[in-house]
C-alpha atoms as a PDB file:
ATOM      1  CA  MET A   1       8.928  16.192   0.414  1.00  0.00           C
ATOM      2  CA  ASP A   2       9.082  15.361   3.410  1.00  0.00           C
ATOM      3  CA  GLU A   3       8.372  11.863   5.061  1.00  0.00           C
ATOM      4  CA  LYS A   4       4.889  12.812   6.584  1.00  0.00           C
ATOM      5  CA  SER A   5       4.079  13.973   2.573  1.00  0.00           C
ATOM      6  CA  VAL A   6       5.922  10.927   1.250  1.00  0.00           C
ATOM      7  CA  LEU A   7       3.717   8.302   3.528  1.00  0.00           C
ATOM      8  CA  LYS A   8       0.741  10.087   2.830  1.00  0.00           C
ATOM      9  CA  ASN A   9       1.068  10.043  -0.922  1.00  0.00           C
ATOM     10  CA  PHE A  10       2.156   6.661  -1.181  1.00  0.00           C
ATOM     11  CA  GLY A  11      -1.339   5.654   1.265  1.00  0.00           C
ATOM     12  CA  ASN A  12      -3.368   7.878  -0.874  1.00  0.00           C
ATOM     13  CA  ASN A  13      -1.985   5.533  -4.147  1.00  0.00           C
ATOM     14  CA  LEU A  14      -2.258   2.091  -2.889  1.00  0.00           C
ATOM     15  CA  ARG A  15      -5.812   2.924  -1.811  1.00  0.00           C
ATOM     16  CA  ALA A  16      -6.606   3.882  -5.195  1.00  0.00           C
ATOM     17  CA  GLU A  17      -5.373   0.823  -6.597  1.00  0.00           C
ATOM     18  CA  ARG A  18      -6.559  -1.362  -4.046  1.00  0.00           C
ATOM     19  CA  ASN A  19      -9.675   0.451  -4.563  1.00  0.00           C
ATOM     20  CA  ARG A  20      -9.769  -0.611  -8.401  1.00  0.00           C
ATOM     21  CA  LEU A  21      -8.805  -3.627  -7.812  1.00  0.00           C
ATOM     22  CA  GLY A  22     -12.039  -4.433  -5.979  1.00  0.00           C
ATOM     23  CA  LEU A  23      -9.936  -5.851  -2.757  1.00  0.00           C
ATOM     24  CA  SER A  24     -10.650  -4.666   0.833  1.00  0.00           C
ATOM     25  CA  GLN A  25      -8.044  -3.967   3.367  1.00  0.00           C
ATOM     26  CA  ASP A  26      -8.333  -7.700   4.769  1.00  0.00           C
ATOM     27  CA  GLY A  27      -8.843  -9.321   1.230  1.00  0.00           C
ATOM     28  CA  LEU A  28      -5.108  -7.631   0.247  1.00  0.00           C
ATOM     29  CA  ALA A  29      -3.433  -8.301   3.605  1.00  0.00           C
ATOM     30  CA  ASN A  30      -4.953 -12.028   3.320  1.00  0.00           C
ATOM     31  CA  LEU A  31      -3.211 -12.227  -0.155  1.00  0.00           C
ATOM     32  CA  MET A  32      -0.124 -11.059   1.037  1.00  0.00           C
ATOM     33  CA  GLY A  33       0.063 -13.607   3.857  1.00  0.00           C
ATOM     34  CA  ILE A  34      -0.445 -11.016   6.834  1.00  0.00           C
ATOM     35  CA  CYS A  35      -3.097 -11.231   9.341  1.00  0.00           C
ATOM     36  CA  ALA A  36      -4.676  -8.051   9.868  1.00  0.00           C
ATOM     37  CA  GLY A  37      -6.134  -5.340   7.120  1.00  0.00           C
ATOM     38  CA  LYS A  38      -5.685  -2.891  10.229  1.00  0.00           C
ATOM     39  CA  HIS A  39      -2.019  -3.095   8.596  1.00  0.00           C
ATOM     40  CA  ILE A  40      -3.240  -2.029   5.198  1.00  0.00           C
ATOM     41  CA  GLY A  41      -5.445   1.042   6.768  1.00  0.00           C
ATOM     42  CA  ASN A  42      -2.528   2.462   8.900  1.00  0.00           C
ATOM     43  CA  ILE A  43      -0.161   2.495   5.648  1.00  0.00           C
ATOM     44  CA  GLU A  44      -3.034   3.926   3.388  1.00  0.00           C
ATOM     45  CA  ARG A  45      -3.525   6.802   6.257  1.00  0.00           C
ATOM     46  CA  GLY A  46       0.903   7.461   6.472  1.00  0.00           C
ATOM     47  CA  ILE A  47       0.632   6.075   9.379  1.00  0.00           C
ATOM     48  CA  THR A  48       2.788   3.091   9.139  1.00  0.00           C
ATOM     49  CA  ASN A  49       6.240   3.213   7.091  1.00  0.00           C
ATOM     50  CA  PRO A  50       6.044   0.121   5.422  1.00  0.00           C
ATOM     51  CA  LYS A  51       9.128  -2.375   4.715  1.00  0.00           C
ATOM     52  CA  LEU A  52      10.339  -2.738   1.645  1.00  0.00           C
ATOM     53  CA  THR A  53       9.290  -6.604   2.078  1.00  0.00           C
ATOM     54  CA  THR A  54       5.881  -5.376   2.632  1.00  0.00           C
ATOM     55  CA  ILE A  55       5.917  -2.962  -0.775  1.00  0.00           C
ATOM     56  CA  VAL A  56       7.078  -6.118  -2.606  1.00  0.00           C
ATOM     57  CA  ALA A  57       4.226  -8.096  -1.644  1.00  0.00           C
ATOM     58  CA  MET A  58       1.986  -5.351  -2.072  1.00  0.00           C
ATOM     59  CA  LEU A  59       3.367  -5.081  -5.881  1.00  0.00           C
ATOM     60  CA  LYS A  60       3.285  -8.837  -6.481  1.00  0.00           C
ATOM     61  CA  VAL A  61      -0.081  -9.376  -5.254  1.00  0.00           C
ATOM     62  CA  MET A  62      -1.653  -6.407  -6.981  1.00  0.00           C
ATOM     63  CA  ASN A  63       0.610  -6.901 -10.040  1.00  0.00           C
ATOM     64  CA  ILE A  64       1.493  -3.393 -10.219  1.00  0.00           C
ATOM     65  CA  ASP A  65       5.083  -1.269 -11.084  1.00  0.00           C
ATOM     66  CA  PHE A  66       5.976   0.814  -7.825  1.00  0.00           C
ATOM     67  CA  GLU A  67       5.500   3.964  -9.726  1.00  0.00           C
ATOM     68  CA  LYS A  68       1.455   3.023  -9.859  1.00  0.00           C
ATOM     69  CA  LEU A  69       2.042   3.916  -5.428  1.00  0.00           C
ATOM     70  CA  TYR A  70       4.680   6.647  -5.669  1.00  0.00           C
ATOM     71  CA  ASN A  71       5.826   8.512  -8.663  1.00  0.00           C
ATOM     72  CA  LEU A  72       9.627   9.393  -7.902  1.00  0.00           C
ATOM     73  CA  ASN A  73       9.532  12.512 -10.463  1.00  0.00           C
END
């Protein structure tokens, strides 16, 4: 799987989980302690490759496991 596909898959799963929790992009960003929901939008569209620390913050705020955002199998 190429990088673009990985980022797109991750972003789609992030959007689905965020929506499941009833969070806006800005709401998630605020809970994570970052100032712009635009960054979340770029991750969801597969434009931005998030840093590990960003992914960990998402997992903590949404109280989910990594497998919800990306299936390694």
